[in-house]
Every structure is written in C-alpha cells, then in structure tokens.
Amino acid sequence: FRDMIDTMNNGGKIAILGIASTGFEIDWNKVIFKMLHLKGIYGREMFETWYKMIALVQGPLDVSGLITHRIGIDDFQTGFDAMRSGNSGKVVMDW
C-alpha cells in the first residue's frame, strides 16, 4: 500500500477492495498533499461494479491474461489458497 501511495500521481484515485489481514499505517501527509482520493467498495455500488465488469469483459479489451486460476465450486479452498499466496491474478470460480 505504501508503494502505491508513493507512485500515485497527484489527484489519483485508489479503490480499496477487500479487507487487510492485518492492520497497517497510512502516511496521511502523502495522501493529503498528493490530493489522493481513497474509496472503499461498499454494497450500494456493488451492482454498478458488476455491470462495468461485464462491459469490460464483453468489450474489445482482452482481459484473459489477468485470470491466473479457474476453479470449480468444489475446489474453492484451492482458489482461496491461491489468492492468499499473493502469487495470483484474478481467480475465477466457475459455478
């Protein structure tokens, strides 16, 4: 997170998704002086996010390289382990 703050352009926007496993400190001076916008995802915009993702996947941009794992519902633990390892991109669960 600190590296991301350091490399952001002035006025940049950061979407914070998920929940950190441990707490961490934020240098608020950098956030303030770079005029960064931090936004957490919350329920009211969840559906809007899904619609945008569907448009992205159906559009001309090839996002298949972002998906590193495809798993079935019965292998959900494998998917969570892959995400927790920090060595995965998007993990897609096929229902």
PDB file of N, CA and C in Angstrom:
ATOM      1  N   PHE A   1       0.824  -1.186   0.000  1.00  0.00           N
ATOM      2  CA  PHE A   1       0.000   0.000   0.000  1.00  0.00           C
ATOM      3  C   PHE A   1       0.870   1.252   0.000  1.00  0.00           C
ATOM      4  N   ARG A   2       1.963   1.206   0.796  1.00  0.00           N
ATOM      5  CA  ARG A   2       2.849   2.376   0.854  1.00  0.00           C
ATOM      6  C   ARG A   2       3.469   2.661  -0.504  1.00  0.00           C
ATOM      7  N   ASP A   3       3.902   1.614  -1.204  1.00  0.00           N
ATOM      8  CA  ASP A   3       4.486   1.800  -2.541  1.00  0.00           C
ATOM      9  C   ASP A   3       3.467   2.413  -3.492  1.00  0.00           C
ATOM     10  N   MET A   4       2.223   1.982  -3.379  1.00  0.00           N
ATOM     11  CA  MET A   4       1.182   2.510  -4.249  1.00  0.00           C
ATOM     12  C   MET A   4       0.990   4.003  -3.984  1.00  0.00           C
ATOM     13  N   ILE A   5       0.937   4.390  -2.721  1.00  0.00           N
ATOM     14  CA  ILE A   5       0.783   5.808  -2.371  1.00  0.00           C
ATOM     15  C   ILE A   5       1.950   6.612  -2.941  1.00  0.00           C
ATOM     16  N   ASP A   6       3.165   6.075  -2.805  1.00  0.00           N
ATOM     17  CA  ASP A   6       4.358   6.788  -3.284  1.00  0.00           C
ATOM     18  C   ASP A   6       4.350   6.998  -4.790  1.00  0.00           C
ATOM     19  N   THR A   7       3.799   6.050  -5.544  1.00  0.00           N
ATOM     20  CA  THR A   7       3.861   6.128  -7.004  1.00  0.00           C
ATOM     21  C   THR A   7       2.628   6.768  -7.641  1.00  0.00           C
ATOM     22  N   MET A   8       1.638   7.102  -6.844  1.00  0.00           N
ATOM     23  CA  MET A   8       0.424   7.720  -7.389  1.00  0.00           C
ATOM     24  C   MET A   8       0.705   9.139  -7.873  1.00  0.00           C
ATOM     25  N   ASN A   9       0.033   9.532  -8.954  1.00  0.00           N
ATOM     26  CA  ASN A   9       0.086  10.911  -9.437  1.00  0.00           C
ATOM     27  C   ASN A   9      -0.818  11.783  -8.578  1.00  0.00           C
ATOM     28  N   ASN A  10      -0.537  13.071  -8.563  1.00  0.00           N
ATOM     29  CA  ASN A  10      -1.395  13.999  -7.830  1.00  0.00           C
ATOM     30  C   ASN A  10      -2.829  13.881  -8.331  1.00  0.00           C
ATOM     31  N   GLY A  11      -3.764  13.838  -7.401  1.00  0.00           N
ATOM     32  CA  GLY A  11      -5.174  13.736  -7.756  1.00  0.00           C
ATOM     33  C   GLY A  11      -5.613  12.337  -8.141  1.00  0.00           C
ATOM     34  N   GLY A  12      -4.735  11.340  -7.962  1.00  0.00           N
ATOM     35  CA  GLY A  12      -5.060   9.970  -8.342  1.00  0.00           C
ATOM     36  C   GLY A  12      -6.165   9.373  -7.485  1.00  0.00           C
ATOM     37  N   LYS A  13      -6.767   8.316  -8.001  1.00  0.00           N
ATOM     38  CA  LYS A  13      -7.863   7.644  -7.303  1.00  0.00           C
ATOM     39  C   LYS A  13      -7.451   6.218  -6.977  1.00  0.00           C
ATOM     40  N   ILE A  14      -7.727   5.794  -5.764  1.00  0.00           N
ATOM     41  CA  ILE A  14      -7.400   4.444  -5.310  1.00  0.00           C
ATOM     42  C   ILE A  14      -8.691   3.777  -4.849  1.00  0.00           C
ATOM     43  N   ALA A  15      -9.013   2.632  -5.434  1.00  0.00           N
ATOM     44  CA  ALA A  15     -10.157   1.838  -4.992  1.00  0.00           C
ATOM     45  C   ALA A  15      -9.628   0.753  -4.069  1.00  0.00           C
ATOM     46  N   ILE A  16     -10.108   0.725  -2.858  1.00  0.00           N
ATOM     47  CA  ILE A  16      -9.645  -0.238  -1.865  1.00  0.00           C
ATOM     48  C   ILE A  16     -10.680  -1.352  -1.790  1.00  0.00           C
ATOM     49  N   LEU A  17     -10.294  -2.522  -2.244  1.00  0.00           N
ATOM     50  CA  LEU A  17     -11.193  -3.668  -2.290  1.00  0.00           C
ATOM     51  C   LEU A  17     -10.699  -4.737  -1.338  1.00  0.00           C
ATOM     52  N   GLY A  18     -11.579  -5.393  -0.657  1.00  0.00           N
ATOM     53  CA  GLY A  18     -11.186  -6.456   0.248  1.00  0.00           C
ATOM     54  C   GLY A  18     -10.839  -5.915   1.624  1.00  0.00           C
ATOM     55  N   ILE A  19     -10.419  -6.816   2.478  1.00  0.00           N
ATOM     56  CA  ILE A  19     -10.092  -6.479   3.857  1.00  0.00           C
ATOM     57  C   ILE A  19      -8.685  -6.970   4.137  1.00  0.00           C
ATOM     58  N   ALA A  20      -7.857  -6.104   4.694  1.00  0.00           N
ATOM     59  CA  ALA A  20      -6.477  -6.476   5.013  1.00  0.00           C
ATOM     60  C   ALA A  20      -6.466  -7.504   6.140  1.00  0.00           C
ATOM     61  N   SER A  21      -5.534  -8.462   6.065  1.00  0.00           N
ATOM     62  CA  SER A  21      -5.445  -9.486   7.107  1.00  0.00           C
ATOM     63  C   SER A  21      -4.856  -8.924   8.393  1.00  0.00           C
ATOM     64  N   THR A  22      -4.064  -7.854   8.269  1.00  0.00           N
ATOM     65  CA  THR A  22      -3.505  -7.185   9.443  1.00  0.00           C
ATOM     66  C   THR A  22      -3.633  -5.684   9.238  1.00  0.00           C
ATOM     67  N   GLY A  23      -3.547  -4.956  10.322  1.00  0.00           N
ATOM     68  CA  GLY A  23      -3.606  -3.508  10.214  1.00  0.00           C
ATOM     69  C   GLY A  23      -2.330  -2.951   9.599  1.00  0.00           C
ATOM     70  N   PHE A  24      -2.399  -1.751   9.076  1.00  0.00           N
ATOM     71  CA  PHE A  24      -1.215  -1.096   8.531  1.00  0.00           C
ATOM     72  C   PHE A  24      -1.385   0.407   8.669  1.00  0.00           C
ATOM     73  N   GLU A  25      -0.251   1.096   8.697  1.00  0.00           N
ATOM     74  CA  GLU A  25      -0.282   2.544   8.859  1.00  0.00           C
ATOM     75  C   GLU A  25      -0.346   3.226   7.500  1.00  0.00           C
ATOM     76  N   ILE A  26      -1.001   4.358   7.465  1.00  0.00           N
ATOM     77  CA  ILE A  26      -1.098   5.168   6.252  1.00  0.00           C
ATOM     78  C   ILE A  26      -0.449   6.511   6.538  1.00  0.00           C
ATOM     79  N   ASP A  27       0.437   6.943   5.658  1.00  0.00           N
ATOM     80  CA  ASP A  27       1.046   8.266   5.783  1.00  0.00           C
ATOM     81  C   ASP A  27       0.054   9.285   5.223  1.00  0.00           C
ATOM     82  N   TRP A  28      -0.761   9.841   6.087  1.00  0.00           N
ATOM     83  CA  TRP A  28      -1.826  10.745   5.657  1.00  0.00           C
ATOM     84  C   TRP A  28      -1.281  12.012   5.032  1.00  0.00           C
ATOM     85  N   ASN A  29      -0.063  12.417   5.405  1.00  0.00           N
ATOM     86  CA  ASN A  29       0.532  13.598   4.770  1.00  0.00           C
ATOM     87  C   ASN A  29       0.674  13.388   3.269  1.00  0.00           C
ATOM     88  N   LYS A  30       1.119  12.186   2.863  1.00  0.00           N
ATOM     89  CA  LYS A  30       1.259  11.900   1.429  1.00  0.00           C
ATOM     90  C   LYS A  30      -0.103  11.888   0.745  1.00  0.00           C
ATOM     91  N   VAL A  31      -1.076  11.294   1.393  1.00  0.00           N
ATOM     92  CA  VAL A  31      -2.428  11.240   0.822  1.00  0.00           C
ATOM     93  C   VAL A  31      -2.975  12.654   0.642  1.00  0.00           C
ATOM     94  N   ILE A  32      -2.793  13.481   1.647  1.00  0.00           N
ATOM     95  CA  ILE A  32      -3.338  14.843   1.610  1.00  0.00           C
ATOM     96  C   ILE A  32      -2.600  15.706   0.596  1.00  0.00           C
ATOM     97  N   PHE A  33      -1.262  15.707   0.653  1.00  0.00           N
ATOM     98  CA  PHE A  33      -0.513  16.599  -0.223  1.00  0.00           C
ATOM     99  C   PHE A  33      -0.526  16.155  -1.684  1.00  0.00           C
ATOM    100  N   LYS A  34      -0.788  14.873  -1.939  1.00  0.00           N
ATOM    101  CA  LYS A  34      -0.950  14.407  -3.322  1.00  0.00           C
ATOM    102  C   LYS A  34      -2.406  14.516  -3.774  1.00  0.00           C
ATOM    103  N   MET A  35      -3.274  14.950  -2.874  1.00  0.00           N
ATOM    104  CA  MET A  35      -4.707  15.111  -3.162  1.00  0.00           C
ATOM    105  C   MET A  35      -5.319  13.809  -3.683  1.00  0.00           C
ATOM    106  N   LEU A  36      -4.956  12.697  -3.049  1.00  0.00           N
ATOM    107  CA  LEU A  36      -5.448  11.394  -3.485  1.00  0.00           C
ATOM    108  C   LEU A  36      -6.884  11.167  -3.019  1.00  0.00           C
ATOM    109  N   HIS A  37      -7.606  10.396  -3.806  1.00  0.00           N
ATOM    110  CA  HIS A  37      -8.977  10.017  -3.478  1.00  0.00           C
ATOM    111  C   HIS A  37      -8.963   8.534  -3.128  1.00  0.00           C
ATOM    112  N   LEU A  38      -9.298   8.192  -1.895  1.00  0.00           N
ATOM    113  CA  LEU A  38      -9.383   6.796  -1.467  1.00  0.00           C
ATOM    114  C   LEU A  38     -10.853   6.417  -1.386  1.00  0.00           C
ATOM    115  N   LYS A  39     -11.175   5.264  -1.941  1.00  0.00           N
ATOM    116  CA  LYS A  39     -12.572   4.847  -1.936  1.00  0.00           C
ATOM    117  C   LYS A  39     -12.643   3.354  -1.661  1.00  0.00           C
ATOM    118  N   GLY A  40     -13.377   2.997  -0.658  1.00  0.00           N
ATOM    119  CA  GLY A  40     -13.632   1.592  -0.380  1.00  0.00           C
ATOM    120  C   GLY A  40     -14.887   1.156  -1.105  1.00  0.00           C
ATOM    121  N   ILE A  41     -14.942  -0.123  -1.459  1.00  0.00           N
ATOM    122  CA  ILE A  41     -16.146  -0.621  -2.112  1.00  0.00           C
ATOM    123  C   ILE A  41     -17.188  -0.916  -1.034  1.00  0.00           C
ATOM    124  N   TYR A  42     -18.409  -0.626  -1.332  1.00  0.00           N
ATOM    125  CA  TYR A  42     -19.478  -0.922  -0.400  1.00  0.00           C
ATOM    126  C   TYR A  42     -20.713  -1.338  -1.175  1.00  0.00           C
ATOM    127  N   GLY A  43     -21.653  -1.924  -0.471  1.00  0.00           N
ATOM    128  CA  GLY A  43     -22.783  -2.596  -1.085  1.00  0.00           C
ATOM    129  C   GLY A  43     -23.567  -1.822  -2.110  1.00  0.00           C
ATOM    130  N   ARG A  44     -23.777  -0.518  -1.897  1.00  0.00           N
ATOM    131  CA  ARG A  44     -24.632   0.230  -2.818  1.00  0.00           C
ATOM    132  C   ARG A  44     -24.074   0.282  -4.224  1.00  0.00           C
ATOM    133  N   GLU A  45     -22.765   0.211  -4.379  1.00  0.00           N
ATOM    134  CA  GLU A  45     -22.174   0.295  -5.716  1.00  0.00           C
ATOM    135  C   GLU A  45     -21.767  -1.071  -6.253  1.00  0.00           C
ATOM    136  N   MET A  46     -22.055  -2.118  -5.498  1.00  0.00           N
ATOM    137  CA  MET A  46     -21.632  -3.438  -5.914  1.00  0.00           C
ATOM    138  C   MET A  46     -22.219  -3.808  -7.276  1.00  0.00           C
ATOM    139  N   PHE A  47     -23.493  -3.540  -7.496  1.00  0.00           N
ATOM    140  CA  PHE A  47     -24.118  -3.917  -8.757  1.00  0.00           C
ATOM    141  C   PHE A  47     -23.584  -3.080  -9.908  1.00  0.00           C
ATOM    142  N   GLU A  48     -23.339  -1.795  -9.663  1.00  0.00           N
ATOM    143  CA  GLU A  48     -22.749  -0.938 -10.695  1.00  0.00           C
ATOM    144  C   GLU A  48     -21.383  -1.483 -11.109  1.00  0.00           C
ATOM    145  N   THR A  49     -20.624  -1.961 -10.138  1.00  0.00           N
ATOM    146  CA  THR A  49     -19.311  -2.543 -10.420  1.00  0.00           C
ATOM    147  C   THR A  49     -19.452  -3.778 -11.302  1.00  0.00           C
ATOM    148  N   TRP A  50     -20.440  -4.615 -11.020  1.00  0.00           N
ATOM    149  CA  TRP A  50     -20.659  -5.810 -11.831  1.00  0.00           C
ATOM    150  C   TRP A  50     -20.997  -5.436 -13.271  1.00  0.00           C
ATOM    151  N   TYR A  51     -21.843  -4.420 -13.449  1.00  0.00           N
ATOM    152  CA  TYR A  51     -22.216  -4.002 -14.800  1.00  0.00           C
ATOM    153  C   TYR A  51     -20.997  -3.494 -15.565  1.00  0.00           C
ATOM    154  N   LYS A  52     -20.150  -2.748 -14.895  1.00  0.00           N
ATOM    155  CA  LYS A  52     -18.929  -2.255 -15.544  1.00  0.00           C
ATOM    156  C   LYS A  52     -18.012  -3.413 -15.908  1.00  0.00           C
ATOM    157  N   MET A  53     -17.903  -4.406 -15.041  1.00  0.00           N
ATOM    158  CA  MET A  53     -17.042  -5.554 -15.310  1.00  0.00           C
ATOM    159  C   MET A  53     -17.578  -6.365 -16.489  1.00  0.00           C
ATOM    160  N   ILE A  54     -18.882  -6.535 -16.576  1.00  0.00           N
ATOM    161  CA  ILE A  54     -19.475  -7.251 -17.712  1.00  0.00           C
ATOM    162  C   ILE A  54     -19.162  -6.516 -19.010  1.00  0.00           C
ATOM    163  N   ALA A  55     -19.291  -5.191 -19.003  1.00  0.00           N
ATOM    164  CA  ALA A  55     -18.975  -4.400 -20.198  1.00  0.00           C
ATOM    165  C   ALA A  55     -17.502  -4.535 -20.561  1.00  0.00           C
ATOM    166  N   LEU A  56     -16.635  -4.577 -19.567  1.00  0.00           N
ATOM    167  CA  LEU A  56     -15.201  -4.724 -19.815  1.00  0.00           C
ATOM    168  C   LEU A  56     -14.894  -6.077 -20.450  1.00  0.00           C
ATOM    169  N   VAL A  57     -15.476  -7.130 -19.895  1.00  0.00           N
ATOM    170  CA  VAL A  57     -15.217  -8.484 -20.399  1.00  0.00           C
ATOM    171  C   VAL A  57     -15.779  -8.667 -21.806  1.00  0.00           C
ATOM    172  N   GLN A  58     -16.927  -8.061 -22.097  1.00  0.00           N
ATOM    173  CA  GLN A  58     -17.547  -8.218 -23.405  1.00  0.00           C
ATOM    174  C   GLN A  58     -16.980  -7.261 -24.446  1.00  0.00           C
ATOM    175  N   GLY A  59     -16.165  -6.311 -24.020  1.00  0.00           N
ATOM    176  CA  GLY A  59     -15.603  -5.318 -24.933  1.00  0.00           C
ATOM    177  C   GLY A  59     -14.401  -5.849 -25.697  1.00  0.00           C
ATOM    178  N   PRO A  60     -13.744  -4.977 -26.436  1.00  0.00           N
ATOM    179  CA  PRO A  60     -12.633  -5.387 -27.292  1.00  0.00           C
ATOM    180  C   PRO A  60     -11.334  -5.671 -26.536  1.00  0.00           C
ATOM    181  N   LEU A  61     -11.249  -5.293 -25.276  1.00  0.00           N
ATOM    182  CA  LEU A  61     -10.035  -5.488 -24.494  1.00  0.00           C
ATOM    183  C   LEU A  61      -9.910  -6.941 -24.053  1.00  0.00           C
ATOM    184  N   ASP A  62      -8.766  -7.558 -24.308  1.00  0.00           N
ATOM    185  CA  ASP A  62      -8.531  -8.947 -23.898  1.00  0.00           C
ATOM    186  C   ASP A  62      -8.030  -8.962 -22.460  1.00  0.00           C
ATOM    187  N   VAL A  63      -8.887  -9.371 -21.529  1.00  0.00           N
ATOM    188  CA  VAL A  63      -8.520  -9.413 -20.116  1.00  0.00           C
ATOM    189  C   VAL A  63      -8.158 -10.825 -19.653  1.00  0.00           C
ATOM    190  N   SER A  64      -8.080 -11.767 -20.580  1.00  0.00           N
ATOM    191  CA  SER A  64      -7.827 -13.161 -20.196  1.00  0.00           C
ATOM    192  C   SER A  64      -6.482 -13.333 -19.498  1.00  0.00           C
ATOM    193  N   GLY A  65      -5.511 -12.472 -19.795  1.00  0.00           N
ATOM    194  CA  GLY A  65      -4.210 -12.574 -19.142  1.00  0.00           C
ATOM    195  C   GLY A  65      -4.246 -12.239 -17.663  1.00  0.00           C
ATOM    196  N   LEU A  66      -5.306 -11.575 -17.217  1.00  0.00           N
ATOM    197  CA  LEU A  66      -5.434 -11.242 -15.798  1.00  0.00           C
ATOM    198  C   LEU A  66      -5.881 -12.439 -14.969  1.00  0.00           C
ATOM    199  N   ILE A  67      -6.527 -13.390 -15.627  1.00  0.00           N
ATOM    200  CA  ILE A  67      -7.044 -14.567 -14.929  1.00  0.00           C
ATOM    201  C   ILE A  67      -5.934 -15.608 -14.862  1.00  0.00           C
ATOM    202  N   THR A  68      -5.524 -15.937 -13.636  1.00  0.00           N
ATOM    203  CA  THR A  68      -4.449 -16.918 -13.466  1.00  0.00           C
ATOM    204  C   THR A  68      -4.962 -18.276 -13.026  1.00  0.00           C
ATOM    205  N   HIS A  69      -6.174 -18.327 -12.475  1.00  0.00           N
ATOM    206  CA  HIS A  69      -6.727 -19.587 -11.988  1.00  0.00           C
ATOM    207  C   HIS A  69      -8.216 -19.655 -12.320  1.00  0.00           C
ATOM    208  N   ARG A  70      -8.657 -20.819 -12.768  1.00  0.00           N
ATOM    209  CA  ARG A  70     -10.084 -21.106 -12.941  1.00  0.00           C
ATOM    210  C   ARG A  70     -10.345 -22.373 -12.145  1.00  0.00           C
ATOM    211  N   ILE A  71     -11.304 -22.303 -11.248  1.00  0.00           N
ATOM    212  CA  ILE A  71     -11.578 -23.451 -10.388  1.00  0.00           C
ATOM    213  C   ILE A  71     -13.074 -23.722 -10.358  1.00  0.00           C
ATOM    214  N   GLY A  72     -13.418 -24.941 -10.022  1.00  0.00           N
ATOM    215  CA  GLY A  72     -14.812 -25.308  -9.817  1.00  0.00           C
ATOM    216  C   GLY A  72     -15.214 -25.017  -8.381  1.00  0.00           C
ATOM    217  N   ILE A  73     -16.494 -25.028  -8.120  1.00  0.00           N
ATOM    218  CA  ILE A  73     -17.008 -24.722  -6.787  1.00  0.00           C
ATOM    219  C   ILE A  73     -16.459 -25.682  -5.740  1.00  0.00           C
ATOM    220  N   ASP A  74     -16.245 -26.928  -6.111  1.00  0.00           N
ATOM    221  CA  ASP A  74     -15.741 -27.905  -5.145  1.00  0.00           C
ATOM    222  C   ASP A  74     -14.288 -27.656  -4.763  1.00  0.00           C
ATOM    223  N   ASP A  75     -13.567 -26.884  -5.574  1.00  0.00           N
ATOM    224  CA  ASP A  75     -12.160 -26.585  -5.291  1.00  0.00           C
ATOM    225  C   ASP A  75     -11.981 -25.176  -4.737  1.00  0.00           C
ATOM    226  N   PHE A  76     -13.005 -24.671  -4.051  1.00  0.00           N
ATOM    227  CA  PHE A  76     -12.947 -23.284  -3.571  1.00  0.00           C
ATOM    228  C   PHE A  76     -11.736 -23.029  -2.686  1.00  0.00           C
ATOM    229  N   GLN A  77     -11.337 -24.029  -1.881  1.00  0.00           N
ATOM    230  CA  GLN A  77     -10.196 -23.826  -0.982  1.00  0.00           C
ATOM    231  C   GLN A  77      -8.913 -23.581  -1.772  1.00  0.00           C
ATOM    232  N   THR A  78      -8.758 -24.271  -2.898  1.00  0.00           N
ATOM    233  CA  THR A  78      -7.598 -24.047  -3.767  1.00  0.00           C
ATOM    234  C   THR A  78      -7.570 -22.603  -4.241  1.00  0.00           C
ATOM    235  N   GLY A  79      -8.722 -22.071  -4.585  1.00  0.00           N
ATOM    236  CA  GLY A  79      -8.809 -20.680  -5.024  1.00  0.00           C
ATOM    237  C   GLY A  79      -8.431 -19.702  -3.928  1.00  0.00           C
ATOM    238  N   PHE A  80      -8.937 -19.941  -2.719  1.00  0.00           N
ATOM    239  CA  PHE A  80      -8.594 -19.056  -1.603  1.00  0.00           C
ATOM    240  C   PHE A  80      -7.108 -19.150  -1.272  1.00  0.00           C
ATOM    241  N   ASP A  81      -6.550 -20.346  -1.343  1.00  0.00           N
ATOM    242  CA  ASP A  81      -5.111 -20.508  -1.095  1.00  0.00           C
ATOM    243  C   ASP A  81      -4.293 -19.748  -2.130  1.00  0.00           C
ATOM    244  N   ALA A  82      -4.723 -19.799  -3.385  1.00  0.00           N
ATOM    245  CA  ALA A  82      -4.014 -19.078  -4.452  1.00  0.00           C
ATOM    246  C   ALA A  82      -4.059 -17.576  -4.199  1.00  0.00           C
ATOM    247  N   MET A  83      -5.217 -17.064  -3.806  1.00  0.00           N
ATOM    248  CA  MET A  83      -5.338 -15.625  -3.532  1.00  0.00           C
ATOM    249  C   MET A  83      -4.484 -15.223  -2.340  1.00  0.00           C
ATOM    250  N   ARG A  84      -4.515 -16.040  -1.289  1.00  0.00           N
ATOM    251  CA  ARG A  84      -3.756 -15.736  -0.084  1.00  0.00           C
ATOM    252  C   ARG A  84      -2.254 -15.770  -0.321  1.00  0.00           C
ATOM    253  N   SER A  85      -1.804 -16.562  -1.279  1.00  0.00           N
ATOM    254  CA  SER A  85      -0.367 -16.712  -1.525  1.00  0.00           C
ATOM    255  C   SER A  85       0.258 -15.428  -2.054  1.00  0.00           C
ATOM    256  N   GLY A  86      -0.554 -14.579  -2.661  1.00  0.00           N
ATOM    257  CA  GLY A  86      -0.025 -13.348  -3.245  1.00  0.00           C
ATOM    258  C   GLY A  86       0.596 -13.562  -4.611  1.00  0.00           C
ATOM    259  N   ASN A  87       0.497 -14.765  -5.149  1.00  0.00           N
ATOM    260  CA  ASN A  87       1.091 -15.094  -6.450  1.00  0.00           C
ATOM    261  C   ASN A  87       0.029 -15.358  -7.507  1.00  0.00           C
ATOM    262  N   SER A  88      -1.109 -14.710  -7.385  1.00  0.00           N
ATOM    263  CA  SER A  88      -2.172 -14.946  -8.361  1.00  0.00           C
ATOM    264  C   SER A  88      -2.686 -13.613  -8.880  1.00  0.00           C
ATOM    265  N   GLY A  89      -3.308 -13.700 -10.037  1.00  0.00           N
ATOM    266  CA  GLY A  89      -4.060 -12.557 -10.544  1.00  0.00           C
ATOM    267  C   GLY A  89      -5.492 -12.764 -10.091  1.00  0.00           C
ATOM    268  N   LYS A  90      -6.411 -12.739 -11.032  1.00  0.00           N
ATOM    269  CA  LYS A  90      -7.811 -12.988 -10.701  1.00  0.00           C
ATOM    270  C   LYS A  90      -8.067 -14.491 -10.654  1.00  0.00           C
ATOM    271  N   VAL A  91      -8.779 -14.911  -9.648  1.00  0.00           N
ATOM    272  CA  VAL A  91      -9.177 -16.304  -9.503  1.00  0.00           C
ATOM    273  C   VAL A  91     -10.673 -16.358  -9.799  1.00  0.00           C
ATOM    274  N   VAL A  92     -11.031 -17.125 -10.814  1.00  0.00           N
ATOM    275  CA  VAL A  92     -12.428 -17.212 -11.245  1.00  0.00           C
ATOM    276  C   VAL A  92     -12.995 -18.551 -10.811  1.00  0.00           C
ATOM    277  N   MET A  93     -14.151 -18.496 -10.157  1.00  0.00           N
ATOM    278  CA  MET A  93     -14.821 -19.718  -9.741  1.00  0.00           C
ATOM    279  C   MET A  93     -15.965 -19.981 -10.708  1.00  0.00           C
ATOM    280  N   ASP A  94     -15.880 -21.093 -11.419  1.00  0.00           N
ATOM    281  CA  ASP A  94     -16.941 -21.497 -12.345  1.00  0.00           C
ATOM    282  C   ASP A  94     -17.988 -22.286 -11.571  1.00  0.00           C
ATOM    283  N   TRP A  95     -19.249 -21.845 -11.654  1.00  0.00           N
ATOM    284  CA  TRP A  95     -20.328 -22.493 -10.912  1.00  0.00           C
ATOM    285  C   TRP A  95     -20.927 -23.568 -11.728  1.00  0.00           C
TER     286      TRP A  95
END
